[in-house]
Full PDB file with SEQRES, HELIX, SHEET, SSBOND, CRYST1, ORIGX, SCALE, CONECT and MASTER records, all heavy atoms in Angstrom:
SEQRES   1 A   38  TRP PRO GLY LEU THR ALA ASP THR LEU GLY SER TYR ARG          
SEQRES   2 A   38  ASP LYS PRO VAL LEU THR ILE SER GLY ALA PRO LEU ARG          
SEQRES   3 A   38  SER THR THR GLY GLU LEU ARG MET VAL THR ILE THR              
SHEET    1 AA1 2 PRO A   2  ASP A   7  0                                        
SHEET    2 AA1 2 ARG A  33  ILE A  37 -1                                        
SHEET    1 AA2 2 SER A  11  TYR A  12  0                                        
SHEET    2 AA2 2 LYS A  15  PRO A  16 -1                                        
CRYST1    1.000    1.000    1.000  90.00  90.00  90.00 P 1           1          
ORIGX1      1.000000  0.000000  0.000000        0.00000                         
ORIGX2      0.000000  1.000000  0.000000        0.00000                         
ORIGX3      0.000000  0.000000  1.000000        0.00000                         
SCALE1      1.000000  0.000000  0.000000        0.00000                         
SCALE2      0.000000  1.000000  0.000000        0.00000                         
SCALE3      0.000000  0.000000  1.000000        0.00000                         
ATOM      1  N   TRP A   1     -10.460   5.915 -18.079  1.00  0.00           N  
ATOM      2  CA  TRP A   1     -10.809   6.946 -17.105  1.00  0.00           C  
ATOM      3  C   TRP A   1     -10.039   6.674 -15.800  1.00  0.00           C  
ATOM      4  O   TRP A   1      -9.436   5.607 -15.644  1.00  0.00           O  
ATOM      5  CB  TRP A   1     -12.319   6.976 -16.856  1.00  0.00           C  
ATOM      6  CG  TRP A   1     -12.926   5.700 -16.364  1.00  0.00           C  
ATOM      7  CD1 TRP A   1     -13.124   5.325 -15.076  1.00  0.00           C  
ATOM      8  CD2 TRP A   1     -13.417   4.608 -17.177  1.00  0.00           C  
ATOM      9  NE1 TRP A   1     -13.710   4.083 -15.005  1.00  0.00           N  
ATOM     10  CE2 TRP A   1     -13.897   3.614 -16.283  1.00  0.00           C  
ATOM     11  CE3 TRP A   1     -13.487   4.371 -18.549  1.00  0.00           C  
ATOM     12  CZ2 TRP A   1     -14.439   2.419 -16.730  1.00  0.00           C  
ATOM     13  CZ3 TRP A   1     -14.020   3.166 -18.996  1.00  0.00           C  
ATOM     14  CH2 TRP A   1     -14.499   2.213 -18.097  1.00  0.00           C  
ATOM     15  N   PRO A   2     -10.013   7.635 -14.854  1.00  0.00           N  
ATOM     16  CA  PRO A   2      -9.265   7.440 -13.614  1.00  0.00           C  
ATOM     17  C   PRO A   2      -9.714   6.183 -12.879  1.00  0.00           C  
ATOM     18  O   PRO A   2     -10.907   5.925 -12.721  1.00  0.00           O  
ATOM     19  CB  PRO A   2      -9.596   8.703 -12.800  1.00  0.00           C  
ATOM     20  CG  PRO A   2      -9.924   9.724 -13.831  1.00  0.00           C  
ATOM     21  CD  PRO A   2     -10.621   8.980 -14.930  1.00  0.00           C  
ATOM     22  N   GLY A   3      -8.716   5.391 -12.441  1.00  0.00           N  
ATOM     23  CA  GLY A   3      -9.018   4.133 -11.772  1.00  0.00           C  
ATOM     24  C   GLY A   3      -8.798   4.213 -10.276  1.00  0.00           C  
ATOM     25  O   GLY A   3      -8.795   5.290  -9.674  1.00  0.00           O  
ATOM     26  N   LEU A   4      -8.580   3.065  -9.669  1.00  0.00           N  
ATOM     27  CA  LEU A   4      -8.406   2.993  -8.218  1.00  0.00           C  
ATOM     28  C   LEU A   4      -7.009   3.453  -7.820  1.00  0.00           C  
ATOM     29  O   LEU A   4      -6.084   3.517  -8.634  1.00  0.00           O  
ATOM     30  CB  LEU A   4      -8.640   1.558  -7.735  1.00  0.00           C  
ATOM     31  CG  LEU A   4      -7.692   0.462  -8.244  1.00  0.00           C  
ATOM     32  CD1 LEU A   4      -6.441   0.352  -7.381  1.00  0.00           C  
ATOM     33  CD2 LEU A   4      -8.409  -0.866  -8.300  1.00  0.00           C  
ATOM     34  N   THR A   5      -6.856   3.775  -6.555  1.00  0.00           N  
ATOM     35  CA  THR A   5      -5.546   4.025  -5.969  1.00  0.00           C  
ATOM     36  C   THR A   5      -5.417   3.126  -4.744  1.00  0.00           C  
ATOM     37  O   THR A   5      -6.423   2.709  -4.166  1.00  0.00           O  
ATOM     38  CB  THR A   5      -5.357   5.492  -5.546  1.00  0.00           C  
ATOM     39  OG1 THR A   5      -6.134   5.761  -4.378  1.00  0.00           O  
ATOM     40  CG2 THR A   5      -5.791   6.444  -6.666  1.00  0.00           C  
ATOM     41  N   ALA A   6      -4.183   2.809  -4.363  1.00  0.00           N  
ATOM     42  CA  ALA A   6      -3.963   1.954  -3.197  1.00  0.00           C  
ATOM     43  C   ALA A   6      -2.700   2.406  -2.475  1.00  0.00           C  
ATOM     44  O   ALA A   6      -1.679   2.682  -3.117  1.00  0.00           O  
ATOM     45  CB  ALA A   6      -3.862   0.487  -3.605  1.00  0.00           C  
ATOM     46  N   ASP A   7      -2.777   2.461  -1.159  1.00  0.00           N  
ATOM     47  CA  ASP A   7      -1.643   2.866  -0.335  1.00  0.00           C  
ATOM     48  C   ASP A   7      -0.687   1.690  -0.169  1.00  0.00           C  
ATOM     49  O   ASP A   7      -1.041   0.679   0.441  1.00  0.00           O  
ATOM     50  CB  ASP A   7      -2.153   3.348   1.027  1.00  0.00           C  
ATOM     51  CG  ASP A   7      -1.032   3.755   1.962  1.00  0.00           C  
ATOM     52  OD1 ASP A   7       0.081   4.021   1.490  1.00  0.00           O  
ATOM     53  OD2 ASP A   7      -1.289   3.820   3.184  1.00  0.00           O  
ATOM     54  N   THR A   8       0.526   1.816  -0.694  1.00  0.00           N  
ATOM     55  CA  THR A   8       1.484   0.710  -0.586  1.00  0.00           C  
ATOM     56  C   THR A   8       1.976   0.504   0.844  1.00  0.00           C  
ATOM     57  O   THR A   8       2.582  -0.524   1.146  1.00  0.00           O  
ATOM     58  CB  THR A   8       2.695   0.924  -1.512  1.00  0.00           C  
ATOM     59  OG1 THR A   8       3.383   2.120  -1.134  1.00  0.00           O  
ATOM     60  CG2 THR A   8       2.244   1.031  -2.966  1.00  0.00           C  
ATOM     61  N   LEU A   9       1.706   1.475   1.710  1.00  0.00           N  
ATOM     62  CA  LEU A   9       2.050   1.314   3.126  1.00  0.00           C  
ATOM     63  C   LEU A   9       0.926   0.650   3.915  1.00  0.00           C  
ATOM     64  O   LEU A   9       1.109   0.298   5.081  1.00  0.00           O  
ATOM     65  CB  LEU A   9       2.353   2.684   3.757  1.00  0.00           C  
ATOM     66  CG  LEU A   9       3.549   3.444   3.188  1.00  0.00           C  
ATOM     67  CD1 LEU A   9       3.631   4.834   3.816  1.00  0.00           C  
ATOM     68  CD2 LEU A   9       4.841   2.672   3.421  1.00  0.00           C  
ATOM     69  N   GLY A  10      -0.219   0.511   3.265  1.00  0.00           N  
ATOM     70  CA  GLY A  10      -1.393  -0.016   3.959  1.00  0.00           C  
ATOM     71  C   GLY A  10      -1.916  -1.296   3.351  1.00  0.00           C  
ATOM     72  O   GLY A  10      -1.152  -2.193   3.000  1.00  0.00           O  
ATOM     73  N   SER A  11      -3.228  -1.373   3.232  1.00  0.00           N  
ATOM     74  CA  SER A  11      -3.883  -2.590   2.758  1.00  0.00           C  
ATOM     75  C   SER A  11      -4.675  -2.330   1.491  1.00  0.00           C  
ATOM     76  O   SER A  11      -5.082  -1.206   1.205  1.00  0.00           O  
ATOM     77  CB  SER A  11      -4.828  -3.147   3.833  1.00  0.00           C  
ATOM     78  OG  SER A  11      -4.114  -3.470   5.007  1.00  0.00           O  
ATOM     79  N   TYR A  12      -4.898  -3.405   0.751  1.00  0.00           N  
ATOM     80  CA  TYR A  12      -5.770  -3.371  -0.409  1.00  0.00           C  
ATOM     81  C   TYR A  12      -6.700  -4.570  -0.313  1.00  0.00           C  
ATOM     82  O   TYR A  12      -6.240  -5.713  -0.218  1.00  0.00           O  
ATOM     83  CB  TYR A  12      -4.955  -3.423  -1.712  1.00  0.00           C  
ATOM     84  CG  TYR A  12      -5.803  -3.496  -2.953  1.00  0.00           C  
ATOM     85  CD1 TYR A  12      -6.580  -2.416  -3.343  1.00  0.00           C  
ATOM     86  CD2 TYR A  12      -5.835  -4.654  -3.738  1.00  0.00           C  
ATOM     87  CE1 TYR A  12      -7.369  -2.476  -4.484  1.00  0.00           C  
ATOM     88  CE2 TYR A  12      -6.614  -4.724  -4.880  1.00  0.00           C  
ATOM     89  CZ  TYR A  12      -7.383  -3.634  -5.244  1.00  0.00           C  
ATOM     90  OH  TYR A  12      -8.176  -3.684  -6.365  1.00  0.00           O  
ATOM     91  N   ARG A  13      -7.984  -4.310  -0.290  1.00  0.00           N  
ATOM     92  CA  ARG A  13      -9.000  -5.363  -0.114  1.00  0.00           C  
ATOM     93  C   ARG A  13      -8.705  -6.199   1.132  1.00  0.00           C  
ATOM     94  O   ARG A  13      -8.719  -7.432   1.111  1.00  0.00           O  
ATOM     95  CB  ARG A  13      -9.080  -6.240  -1.360  1.00  0.00           C  
ATOM     96  CG  ARG A  13      -9.627  -5.487  -2.579  1.00  0.00           C  
ATOM     97  CD  ARG A  13      -9.783  -6.397  -3.781  1.00  0.00           C  
ATOM     98  NE  ARG A  13     -10.379  -5.655  -4.894  1.00  0.00           N  
ATOM     99  CZ  ARG A  13     -10.543  -6.148  -6.122  1.00  0.00           C  
ATOM    100  NH1 ARG A  13     -10.151  -7.396  -6.384  1.00  0.00           N  
ATOM    101  NH2 ARG A  13     -11.078  -5.418  -7.070  1.00  0.00           N  
ATOM    102  N   ASP A  14      -8.428  -5.479   2.207  1.00  0.00           N  
ATOM    103  CA  ASP A  14      -8.233  -6.066   3.541  1.00  0.00           C  
ATOM    104  C   ASP A  14      -6.979  -6.933   3.660  1.00  0.00           C  
ATOM    105  O   ASP A  14      -6.840  -7.695   4.617  1.00  0.00           O  
ATOM    106  CB  ASP A  14      -9.460  -6.900   3.960  1.00  0.00           C  
ATOM    107  CG  ASP A  14     -10.724  -6.064   4.030  1.00  0.00           C  
ATOM    108  OD1 ASP A  14     -10.623  -4.900   4.462  1.00  0.00           O  
ATOM    109  OD2 ASP A  14     -11.786  -6.564   3.651  1.00  0.00           O  
ATOM    110  N   LYS A  15      -6.049  -6.821   2.719  1.00  0.00           N  
ATOM    111  CA  LYS A  15      -4.788  -7.547   2.812  1.00  0.00           C  
ATOM    112  C   LYS A  15      -3.636  -6.561   2.697  1.00  0.00           C  
ATOM    113  O   LYS A  15      -3.698  -5.633   1.886  1.00  0.00           O  
ATOM    114  CB  LYS A  15      -4.684  -8.599   1.702  1.00  0.00           C  
ATOM    115  CG  LYS A  15      -5.698  -9.728   1.825  1.00  0.00           C  
ATOM    116  CD  LYS A  15      -5.491 -10.748   0.712  1.00  0.00           C  
ATOM    117  CE  LYS A  15      -6.490 -11.906   0.841  1.00  0.00           C  
ATOM    118  NZ  LYS A  15      -6.294 -12.906  -0.250  1.00  0.00           N  
ATOM    119  N   PRO A  16      -2.578  -6.737   3.494  1.00  0.00           N  
ATOM    120  CA  PRO A  16      -1.427  -5.826   3.399  1.00  0.00           C  
ATOM    121  C   PRO A  16      -0.849  -5.836   1.986  1.00  0.00           C  
ATOM    122  O   PRO A  16      -0.660  -6.897   1.393  1.00  0.00           O  
ATOM    123  CB  PRO A  16      -0.425  -6.409   4.402  1.00  0.00           C  
ATOM    124  CG  PRO A  16      -1.234  -7.265   5.314  1.00  0.00           C  
ATOM    125  CD  PRO A  16      -2.377  -7.793   4.500  1.00  0.00           C  
ATOM    126  N   VAL A  17      -0.572  -4.649   1.472  1.00  0.00           N  
ATOM    127  CA  VAL A  17       0.046  -4.578   0.150  1.00  0.00           C  
ATOM    128  C   VAL A  17       1.466  -5.137   0.209  1.00  0.00           C  
ATOM    129  O   VAL A  17       1.895  -5.887  -0.663  1.00  0.00           O  
ATOM    130  CB  VAL A  17       0.063  -3.125  -0.366  1.00  0.00           C  
ATOM    131  CG1 VAL A  17       0.848  -3.032  -1.678  1.00  0.00           C  
ATOM    132  CG2 VAL A  17      -1.361  -2.619  -0.583  1.00  0.00           C  
ATOM    133  N   LEU A  18       2.206  -4.780   1.264  1.00  0.00           N  
ATOM    134  CA  LEU A  18       3.587  -5.231   1.424  1.00  0.00           C  
ATOM    135  C   LEU A  18       3.725  -6.076   2.682  1.00  0.00           C  
ATOM    136  O   LEU A  18       3.365  -5.645   3.771  1.00  0.00           O  
ATOM    137  CB  LEU A  18       4.536  -4.039   1.523  1.00  0.00           C  
ATOM    138  CG  LEU A  18       4.651  -3.153   0.279  1.00  0.00           C  
ATOM    139  CD1 LEU A  18       5.474  -1.904   0.596  1.00  0.00           C  
ATOM    140  CD2 LEU A  18       5.287  -3.924  -0.880  1.00  0.00           C  
ATOM    141  N   THR A  19       4.237  -7.268   2.527  1.00  0.00           N  
ATOM    142  CA  THR A  19       4.576  -8.118   3.661  1.00  0.00           C  
ATOM    143  C   THR A  19       6.080  -8.379   3.581  1.00  0.00           C  
ATOM    144  O   THR A  19       6.560  -8.981   2.609  1.00  0.00           O  
ATOM    145  CB  THR A  19       3.816  -9.460   3.610  1.00  0.00           C  
ATOM    146  OG1 THR A  19       2.403  -9.188   3.616  1.00  0.00           O  
ATOM    147  CG2 THR A  19       4.161 -10.317   4.819  1.00  0.00           C  
ATOM    148  N   ILE A  20       6.801  -7.893   4.585  1.00  0.00           N  
ATOM    149  CA  ILE A  20       8.266  -7.956   4.556  1.00  0.00           C  
ATOM    150  C   ILE A  20       8.763  -8.775   5.739  1.00  0.00           C  
ATOM    151  O   ILE A  20       8.321  -8.588   6.874  1.00  0.00           O  
ATOM    152  CB  ILE A  20       8.874  -6.539   4.604  1.00  0.00           C  
ATOM    153  CG1 ILE A  20       8.312  -5.688   3.457  1.00  0.00           C  
ATOM    154  CG2 ILE A  20      10.397  -6.592   4.526  1.00  0.00           C  
ATOM    155  CD1 ILE A  20       8.734  -4.223   3.501  1.00  0.00           C  
ATOM    156  N   SER A  21       9.689  -9.676   5.468  1.00  0.00           N  
ATOM    157  CA  SER A  21      10.288 -10.489   6.519  1.00  0.00           C  
ATOM    158  C   SER A  21      11.802 -10.453   6.398  1.00  0.00           C  
ATOM    159  O   SER A  21      12.350 -10.137   5.335  1.00  0.00           O  
ATOM    160  CB  SER A  21       9.788 -11.941   6.430  1.00  0.00           C  
ATOM    161  OG  SER A  21      10.125 -12.502   5.164  1.00  0.00           O  
ATOM    162  N   GLY A  22      12.483 -10.768   7.518  1.00  0.00           N  
ATOM    163  CA  GLY A  22      13.942 -10.815   7.496  1.00  0.00           C  
ATOM    164  C   GLY A  22      14.619  -9.551   7.959  1.00  0.00           C  
ATOM    165  O   GLY A  22      15.852  -9.467   7.958  1.00  0.00           O  
ATOM    166  N   ALA A  23      13.851  -8.540   8.366  1.00  0.00           N  
ATOM    167  CA  ALA A  23      14.425  -7.287   8.850  1.00  0.00           C  
ATOM    168  C   ALA A  23      13.382  -6.572   9.705  1.00  0.00           C  
ATOM    169  O   ALA A  23      12.171  -6.761   9.501  1.00  0.00           O  
ATOM    170  CB  ALA A  23      14.847  -6.394   7.687  1.00  0.00           C  
ATOM    171  N   PRO A  24      13.824  -5.758  10.677  1.00  0.00           N  
ATOM    172  CA  PRO A  24      12.869  -5.006  11.504  1.00  0.00           C  
ATOM    173  C   PRO A  24      12.072  -4.019  10.651  1.00  0.00           C  
ATOM    174  O   PRO A  24      12.609  -3.427   9.711  1.00  0.00           O  
ATOM    175  CB  PRO A  24      13.779  -4.265  12.498  1.00  0.00           C  
ATOM    176  CG  PRO A  24      15.086  -4.966  12.439  1.00  0.00           C  
ATOM    177  CD  PRO A  24      15.219  -5.515  11.063  1.00  0.00           C  
ATOM    178  N   LEU A  25      10.798  -3.842  10.994  1.00  0.00           N  
ATOM    179  CA  LEU A  25       9.937  -2.915  10.264  1.00  0.00           C  
ATOM    180  C   LEU A  25       9.570  -1.727  11.128  1.00  0.00           C  
ATOM    181  O   LEU A  25       9.511  -1.817  12.354  1.00  0.00           O  
ATOM    182  CB  LEU A  25       8.673  -3.632   9.796  1.00  0.00           C  
ATOM    183  CG  LEU A  25       8.851  -4.821   8.856  1.00  0.00           C  
ATOM    184  CD1 LEU A  25       7.485  -5.368   8.437  1.00  0.00           C  
ATOM    185  CD2 LEU A  25       9.655  -4.435   7.626  1.00  0.00           C  
ATOM    186  N   ARG A  26       9.286  -0.619  10.474  1.00  0.00           N  
ATOM    187  CA  ARG A  26       8.896   0.613  11.150  1.00  0.00           C  
ATOM    188  C   ARG A  26       7.384   0.782  11.100  1.00  0.00           C  
ATOM    189  O   ARG A  26       6.724   0.295  10.195  1.00  0.00           O  
ATOM    190  CB  ARG A  26       9.511   1.832  10.464  1.00  0.00           C  
ATOM    191  CG  ARG A  26      10.993   1.828  10.299  1.00  0.00           C  
ATOM    192  CD  ARG A  26      11.466   3.035   9.475  1.00  0.00           C  
ATOM    193  NE  ARG A  26      11.038   4.293  10.092  1.00  0.00           N  
ATOM    194  CZ  ARG A  26      10.014   5.042   9.673  1.00  0.00           C  
ATOM    195  NH1 ARG A  26       9.287   4.658   8.620  1.00  0.00           N  
ATOM    196  NH2 ARG A  26       9.701   6.155  10.286  1.00  0.00           N  
ATOM    197  N   SER A  27       6.858   1.529  12.058  1.00  0.00           N  
ATOM    198  CA  SER A  27       5.486   2.019  11.955  1.00  0.00           C  
ATOM    199  C   SER A  27       5.543   3.285  11.119  1.00  0.00           C  
ATOM    200  O   SER A  27       6.433   4.122  11.302  1.00  0.00           O  
ATOM    201  CB  SER A  27       4.910   2.322  13.346  1.00  0.00           C  
ATOM    202  OG  SER A  27       4.804   1.140  14.102  1.00  0.00           O  
ATOM    203  N   THR A  28       4.624   3.438  10.192  1.00  0.00           N  
ATOM    204  CA  THR A  28       4.672   4.579   9.276  1.00  0.00           C  
ATOM    205  C   THR A  28       3.424   5.440   9.398  1.00  0.00           C  
ATOM    206  O   THR A  28       2.372   4.981   9.851  1.00  0.00           O  
ATOM    207  CB  THR A  28       4.796   4.101   7.820  1.00  0.00           C  
ATOM    208  OG1 THR A  28       3.659   3.282   7.507  1.00  0.00           O  
ATOM    209  CG2 THR A  28       6.068   3.301   7.609  1.00  0.00           C  
ATOM    210  N   THR A  29       3.562   6.681   8.992  1.00  0.00           N  
ATOM    211  CA  THR A  29       2.420   7.583   8.870  1.00  0.00           C  
ATOM    212  C   THR A  29       2.369   8.089   7.435  1.00  0.00           C  
ATOM    213  O   THR A  29       3.324   7.924   6.677  1.00  0.00           O  
ATOM    214  CB  THR A  29       2.540   8.783   9.823  1.00  0.00           C  
ATOM    215  OG1 THR A  29       3.710   9.554   9.478  1.00  0.00           O  
ATOM    216  CG2 THR A  29       2.642   8.327  11.266  1.00  0.00           C  
ATOM    217  N   GLY A  30       1.278   8.733   7.085  1.00  0.00           N  
ATOM    218  CA  GLY A  30       1.133   9.199   5.715  1.00  0.00           C  
ATOM    219  C   GLY A  30       0.821   8.038   4.780  1.00  0.00           C  
ATOM    220  O   GLY A  30       0.637   6.898   5.204  1.00  0.00           O  
ATOM    221  N   GLU A  31       0.781   8.344   3.491  1.00  0.00           N  
ATOM    222  CA  GLU A  31       0.440   7.335   2.490  1.00  0.00           C  
ATOM    223  C   GLU A  31       1.322   7.474   1.256  1.00  0.00           C  
ATOM    224  O   GLU A  31       1.745   8.579   0.906  1.00  0.00           O  
ATOM    225  CB  GLU A  31      -1.035   7.456   2.070  1.00  0.00           C  
ATOM    226  CG  GLU A  31      -2.021   7.192   3.198  1.00  0.00           C  
ATOM    227  CD  GLU A  31      -3.465   7.329   2.743  1.00  0.00           C  
ATOM    228  OE1 GLU A  31      -3.691   7.622   1.547  1.00  0.00           O  
ATOM    229  OE2 GLU A  31      -4.367   7.144   3.584  1.00  0.00           O  
ATOM    230  N   LEU A  32       1.588   6.359   0.625  1.00  0.00           N  
ATOM    231  CA  LEU A  32       2.284   6.308  -0.661  1.00  0.00           C  
ATOM    232  C   LEU A  32       1.380   5.532  -1.614  1.00  0.00           C  
ATOM    233  O   LEU A  32       1.392   4.308  -1.650  1.00  0.00           O  
ATOM    234  CB  LEU A  32       3.642   5.611  -0.519  1.00  0.00           C  
ATOM    235  CG  LEU A  32       4.701   6.367   0.276  1.00  0.00           C  
ATOM    236  CD1 LEU A  32       5.872   5.460   0.624  1.00  0.00           C  
ATOM    237  CD2 LEU A  32       5.186   7.585  -0.522  1.00  0.00           C  
ATOM    238  N   ARG A  33       0.590   6.263  -2.385  1.00  0.00           N  
ATOM    239  CA  ARG A  33      -0.473   5.632  -3.174  1.00  0.00           C  
ATOM    240  C   ARG A  33      -0.064   5.402  -4.626  1.00  0.00           C  
ATOM    241  O   ARG A  33       0.350   6.320  -5.329  1.00  0.00           O  
ATOM    242  CB  ARG A  33      -1.753   6.480  -3.142  1.00  0.00           C  
ATOM    243  CG  ARG A  33      -2.277   6.740  -1.742  1.00  0.00           C  
ATOM    244  CD  ARG A  33      -3.673   7.340  -1.752  1.00  0.00           C  
ATOM    245  NE  ARG A  33      -4.676   6.349  -2.030  1.00  0.00           N  
ATOM    246  CZ  ARG A  33      -5.227   5.551  -1.114  1.00  0.00           C  
ATOM    247  NH1 ARG A  33      -4.852   5.638   0.162  1.00  0.00           N  
ATOM    248  NH2 ARG A  33      -6.145   4.680  -1.453  1.00  0.00           N  
ATOM    249  N   MET A  34      -0.178   4.138  -5.047  1.00  0.00           N  
ATOM    250  CA  MET A  34      -0.066   3.827  -6.467  1.00  0.00           C  
ATOM    251  C   MET A  34      -1.414   4.112  -7.115  1.00  0.00           C  
ATOM    252  O   MET A  34      -2.451   4.063  -6.451  1.00  0.00           O  
ATOM    253  CB  MET A  34       0.366   2.375  -6.691  1.00  0.00           C  
ATOM    254  CG  MET A  34      -0.494   1.318  -6.012  1.00  0.00           C  
ATOM    255  SD  MET A  34      -2.076   0.945  -6.801  1.00  0.00           S  
ATOM    256  CE  MET A  34      -1.534   0.175  -8.306  1.00  0.00           C  
ATOM    257  N   VAL A  35      -1.398   4.459  -8.385  1.00  0.00           N  
ATOM    258  CA  VAL A  35      -2.641   4.847  -9.063  1.00  0.00           C  
ATOM    259  C   VAL A  35      -2.797   4.053 -10.354  1.00  0.00           C  
ATOM    260  O   VAL A  35      -1.827   3.581 -10.940  1.00  0.00           O  
ATOM    261  CB  VAL A  35      -2.664   6.359  -9.365  1.00  0.00           C  
ATOM    262  CG1 VAL A  35      -2.676   7.163  -8.093  1.00  0.00           C  
ATOM    263  CG2 VAL A  35      -1.472   6.760 -10.225  1.00  0.00           C  
ATOM    264  N   THR A  36      -4.021   3.915 -10.784  1.00  0.00           N  
ATOM    265  CA  THR A  36      -4.310   3.153 -11.999  1.00  0.00           C  
ATOM    266  C   THR A  36      -5.288   3.916 -12.882  1.00  0.00           C  
ATOM    267  O   THR A  36      -5.878   4.923 -12.467  1.00  0.00           O  
ATOM    268  CB  THR A  36      -4.940   1.788 -11.667  1.00  0.00           C  
ATOM    269  OG1 THR A  36      -6.260   2.005 -11.127  1.00  0.00           O  
ATOM    270  CG2 THR A  36      -4.099   1.012 -10.668  1.00  0.00           C  
ATOM    271  N   ILE A  37      -5.440   3.428 -14.089  1.00  0.00           N  
ATOM    272  CA  ILE A  37      -6.547   3.870 -14.935  1.00  0.00           C  
ATOM    273  C   ILE A  37      -7.419   2.647 -15.218  1.00  0.00           C  
ATOM    274  O   ILE A  37      -6.953   1.514 -15.148  1.00  0.00           O  
ATOM    275  CB  ILE A  37      -6.071   4.502 -16.259  1.00  0.00           C  
ATOM    276  CG1 ILE A  37      -5.220   3.517 -17.065  1.00  0.00           C  
ATOM    277  CG2 ILE A  37      -5.327   5.791 -16.009  1.00  0.00           C  
ATOM    278  CD1 ILE A  37      -4.850   4.031 -18.440  1.00  0.00           C  
ATOM    279  N   THR A  38      -8.678   2.890 -15.508  1.00  0.00           N  
ATOM    280  CA  THR A  38      -9.619   1.828 -15.861  1.00  0.00           C  
ATOM    281  C   THR A  38      -9.973   1.975 -17.334  1.00  0.00           C  
ATOM    282  O   THR A  38     -10.034   3.094 -17.857  1.00  0.00           O  
ATOM    283  CB  THR A  38     -10.882   1.921 -14.999  1.00  0.00           C  
ATOM    284  OG1 THR A  38     -10.508   1.844 -13.615  1.00  0.00           O  
ATOM    285  CG2 THR A  38     -11.842   0.787 -15.305  1.00  0.00           C  
TER     286      THR A  38                                                      
MASTER        0    0    0    0    4    0    0    6  285    1    0    3          
END                                                                             
């Protein structure tokens, strides 16, 4: 059945989904959500 979704630009369970180092980062708006099934 339909599972959880998570914004790859944001956090999942209070932790950033993406942590990037070595280059300047932008502030973003909107969401890019990955989706799952259970």
